Amino acid sequence: MVKVEFLGPIGVKPMELDVKNLGQLKDILSQNDEISKWLKLCAVALNDEIINDINTELKSGDRICILPPVCGG
């Protein structure tokens, strides 16, 4: 199982999913209306490292963070 956390204003509780790669995770998250609107805007971190490759393999115990854009001054 992979733990998925949603940071900042996304407002969705963490979930645990049985997925093999980021592409499969994206497909599952895209089915949730609350999450799907954020996916194109957010960065993704795997075990605290930003990743971009949709084919990245995931293993049990991995932690994914969905990171919304931030601004500050």
C-alpha atoms as a PDB file:
ATOM      1  CA  MET A   1       0.000   0.000   0.000  1.00  0.00           C
ATOM      2  CA  VAL A   2       1.096   3.531  -0.828  1.00  0.00           C
ATOM      3  CA  LYS A   3       0.137   6.418   1.448  1.00  0.00           C
ATOM      4  CA  VAL A   4      -1.109   9.503  -0.412  1.00  0.00           C
ATOM      5  CA  GLU A   5      -1.258  12.857   1.393  1.00  0.00           C
ATOM      6  CA  PHE A   6      -2.898  16.028   0.093  1.00  0.00           C
ATOM      7  CA  LEU A   7      -1.308  19.217   1.386  1.00  0.00           C
ATOM      8  CA  GLY A   8      -2.542  22.771   1.784  1.00  0.00           C
ATOM      9  CA  PRO A   9      -5.962  23.802   0.528  1.00  0.00           C
ATOM     10  CA  ILE A  10      -6.770  20.516  -1.219  1.00  0.00           C
ATOM     11  CA  GLY A  11      -8.632  19.469   1.926  1.00  0.00           C
ATOM     12  CA  VAL A  12      -8.746  15.706   1.344  1.00  0.00           C
ATOM     13  CA  LYS A  13      -7.815  13.219   4.050  1.00  0.00           C
ATOM     14  CA  PRO A  14      -4.815  10.945   3.420  1.00  0.00           C
ATOM     15  CA  MET A  15      -5.565   7.624   1.786  1.00  0.00           C
ATOM     16  CA  GLU A  16      -3.799   4.335   1.265  1.00  0.00           C
ATOM     17  CA  LEU A  17      -3.957   2.750  -2.164  1.00  0.00           C
ATOM     18  CA  ASP A  18      -2.587  -0.383  -3.796  1.00  0.00           C
ATOM     19  CA  VAL A  19      -0.955   1.017  -6.948  1.00  0.00           C
ATOM     20  CA  LYS A  20       2.079  -0.013  -8.987  1.00  0.00           C
ATOM     21  CA  ASN A  21       3.112   3.332 -10.542  1.00  0.00           C
ATOM     22  CA  LEU A  22       2.253   7.033 -10.736  1.00  0.00           C
ATOM     23  CA  GLY A  23       0.163   6.558 -13.871  1.00  0.00           C
ATOM     24  CA  GLN A  24      -2.131   4.145 -12.073  1.00  0.00           C
ATOM     25  CA  LEU A  25      -2.322   6.513  -9.091  1.00  0.00           C
ATOM     26  CA  LYS A  26      -3.237   9.416 -11.370  1.00  0.00           C
ATOM     27  CA  ASP A  27      -6.020   7.357 -12.978  1.00  0.00           C
ATOM     28  CA  ILE A  28      -7.509   6.585  -9.564  1.00  0.00           C
ATOM     29  CA  LEU A  29      -7.205  10.136  -8.229  1.00  0.00           C
ATOM     30  CA  SER A  30      -8.708  11.580 -11.430  1.00  0.00           C
ATOM     31  CA  GLN A  31     -11.977   9.816 -10.611  1.00  0.00           C
ATOM     32  CA  ASN A  32     -12.412  11.934  -7.460  1.00  0.00           C
ATOM     33  CA  ASP A  33     -13.911  15.366  -8.285  1.00  0.00           C
ATOM     34  CA  GLU A  34     -12.343  17.032  -5.228  1.00  0.00           C
ATOM     35  CA  ILE A  35      -8.874  15.854  -6.236  1.00  0.00           C
ATOM     36  CA  SER A  36      -9.010  15.886 -10.051  1.00  0.00           C
ATOM     37  CA  LYS A  37      -9.249  19.692 -10.257  1.00  0.00           C
ATOM     38  CA  TRP A  38      -5.901  19.952  -8.439  1.00  0.00           C
ATOM     39  CA  LEU A  39      -3.891  17.353 -10.354  1.00  0.00           C
ATOM     40  CA  LYS A  40      -2.761  19.580 -13.234  1.00  0.00           C
ATOM     41  CA  LEU A  41      -1.676  22.309 -10.813  1.00  0.00           C
ATOM     42  CA  CYS A  42       0.218  20.258  -8.257  1.00  0.00           C
ATOM     43  CA  ALA A  43       3.701  18.875  -7.914  1.00  0.00           C
ATOM     44  CA  VAL A  44       4.163  15.301  -6.708  1.00  0.00           C
ATOM     45  CA  ALA A  45       6.705  14.172  -4.149  1.00  0.00           C
ATOM     46  CA  LEU A  46       7.703  10.551  -3.602  1.00  0.00           C
ATOM     47  CA  ASN A  47       9.277  10.040  -0.187  1.00  0.00           C
ATOM     48  CA  ASP A  48      10.053  13.790  -0.011  1.00  0.00           C
ATOM     49  CA  GLU A  49      11.583  14.065  -3.524  1.00  0.00           C
ATOM     50  CA  ILE A  50       9.784  15.874  -6.348  1.00  0.00           C
ATOM     51  CA  ILE A  51       9.197  13.545  -9.299  1.00  0.00           C
ATOM     52  CA  ASN A  52       7.870  14.108 -12.816  1.00  0.00           C
ATOM     53  CA  ASP A  53       7.952  10.701 -14.504  1.00  0.00           C
ATOM     54  CA  ILE A  54       4.438   9.216 -14.714  1.00  0.00           C
ATOM     55  CA  ASN A  55       6.029   5.758 -15.115  1.00  0.00           C
ATOM     56  CA  THR A  56       7.779   5.917 -11.740  1.00  0.00           C
ATOM     57  CA  GLU A  57       7.296   2.581  -9.998  1.00  0.00           C
ATOM     58  CA  LEU A  58       5.864   2.595  -6.490  1.00  0.00           C
ATOM     59  CA  LYS A  59       6.357   0.052  -3.747  1.00  0.00           C
ATOM     60  CA  SER A  60       4.555  -0.739  -0.532  1.00  0.00           C
ATOM     61  CA  GLY A  61       5.386   1.815   2.146  1.00  0.00           C
ATOM     62  CA  ASP A  62       6.060   4.683  -0.269  1.00  0.00           C
ATOM     63  CA  ARG A  63       4.631   8.084   0.668  1.00  0.00           C
ATOM     64  CA  ILE A  64       3.226  10.354  -2.032  1.00  0.00           C
ATOM     65  CA  CYS A  65       2.480  14.014  -1.317  1.00  0.00           C
ATOM     66  CA  ILE A  66       0.323  16.053  -3.662  1.00  0.00           C
ATOM     67  CA  LEU A  67       1.704  19.595  -3.358  1.00  0.00           C
ATOM     68  CA  PRO A  68      -0.451  22.523  -4.496  1.00  0.00           C
ATOM     69  CA  PRO A  69       1.210  25.689  -5.792  1.00  0.00           C
ATOM     70  CA  VAL A  70       2.006  28.276  -3.151  1.00  0.00           C
ATOM     71  CA  CYS A  71       2.589  31.977  -3.180  1.00  0.00           C
ATOM     72  CA  GLY A  72       3.888  34.356  -0.610  1.00  0.00           C
ATOM     73  CA  GLY A  73       5.283  37.721  -0.138  1.00  0.00           C
END
